[in-house]
Amino acid sequence: MLKWGLLILIFLIPMIPTFWAIIELMTKEIKNIYGKFLWLLFVIFIPCIGGLCYFLFGRKRLLKDPKTNV
């Protein structure tokens, strides 16, 4: 039983950034729709690495600045 639990954790923990990135991309208001679409494809087709790359490189560029209503 312990082996199955450990195996599940090994596969589920790396997927957390992927699910989080997909949810954020789908729910947040994003200023560039093409960038949103490309990041969504990247996160879906390259699951573990795509989610991490989104949070490291793409998140700040895509989200609208709350100070400006543009």
Protein backbone atom coordinates (compact mmCIF):
# COMPACT_ATOMS: atom_id res chain seq x y z
CA MET A 1 0.00 0.00 0.00
CA LEU A 2 2.84 2.38 0.79
CA LYS A 3 4.33 1.84 -2.66
CA TRP A 4 1.11 2.94 -4.36
CA GLY A 5 0.83 6.06 -2.23
CA LEU A 6 4.41 7.01 -2.94
CA LEU A 7 3.92 6.35 -6.64
CA ILE A 8 0.82 8.53 -6.72
CA LEU A 9 2.67 11.36 -4.96
CA ILE A 10 5.58 11.13 -7.38
CA PHE A 11 3.22 11.62 -10.32
CA LEU A 12 0.76 14.09 -8.77
CA ILE A 13 3.11 16.61 -7.16
CA PRO A 14 4.78 17.63 -10.46
CA MET A 15 1.33 18.14 -12.00
CA ILE A 16 0.24 20.74 -9.42
CA PRO A 17 1.85 23.71 -11.28
CA THR A 18 0.27 22.50 -14.50
CA PHE A 19 -3.27 22.41 -13.06
CA TRP A 20 -2.70 25.74 -11.30
CA ALA A 21 -1.45 27.38 -14.51
CA ILE A 22 -4.40 26.07 -16.54
CA ILE A 23 -6.90 27.34 -13.96
CA GLU A 24 -5.19 30.73 -13.78
CA LEU A 25 -5.00 31.08 -17.56
CA MET A 26 -8.69 30.26 -17.89
CA THR A 27 -9.97 32.49 -15.08
CA LYS A 28 -7.72 35.57 -15.02
CA GLU A 29 -8.24 38.59 -17.23
CA ILE A 30 -5.32 38.59 -19.61
CA LYS A 31 -4.27 41.54 -21.77
CA ASN A 32 -2.94 39.49 -24.71
CA ILE A 33 -5.34 36.81 -25.95
CA TYR A 34 -2.76 35.28 -28.31
CA GLY A 35 -0.22 35.02 -25.53
CA LYS A 36 -2.85 33.39 -23.33
CA PHE A 37 -3.62 30.84 -26.05
CA LEU A 38 0.05 30.03 -26.66
CA TRP A 39 0.79 29.64 -22.95
CA LEU A 40 -2.25 27.40 -22.56
CA LEU A 41 -1.03 25.17 -25.40
CA PHE A 42 2.48 25.09 -23.93
CA VAL A 43 1.21 24.16 -20.46
CA ILE A 44 -1.10 21.44 -21.81
CA PHE A 45 1.34 19.80 -24.21
CA ILE A 46 4.42 20.00 -21.95
CA PRO A 47 2.76 19.39 -18.58
CA CYS A 48 5.30 19.62 -15.76
CA ILE A 49 7.78 21.97 -17.40
CA GLY A 50 5.11 24.12 -19.04
CA GLY A 51 3.44 25.01 -15.74
CA LEU A 52 6.73 25.95 -14.12
CA CYS A 53 7.80 28.03 -17.14
CA TYR A 54 4.50 29.88 -17.07
CA PHE A 55 4.95 30.88 -13.43
CA LEU A 56 8.61 31.80 -13.88
CA PHE A 57 8.45 33.69 -17.18
CA GLY A 58 4.94 34.30 -18.50
CA ARG A 59 2.70 35.20 -15.60
CA LYS A 60 3.84 38.79 -15.01
CA ARG A 61 3.74 39.63 -18.70
CA LEU A 62 0.23 38.34 -19.31
CA LEU A 63 -1.72 39.57 -16.30
CA LYS A 64 -3.25 43.01 -16.55
CA ASP A 65 -1.86 45.73 -14.36
CA PRO A 66 -4.52 46.52 -11.72
CA LYS A 67 -3.32 50.15 -11.50
CA THR A 68 -4.23 50.89 -15.10
CA ASN A 69 -7.63 50.05 -16.49
CA VAL A 70 -6.35 49.42 -19.99
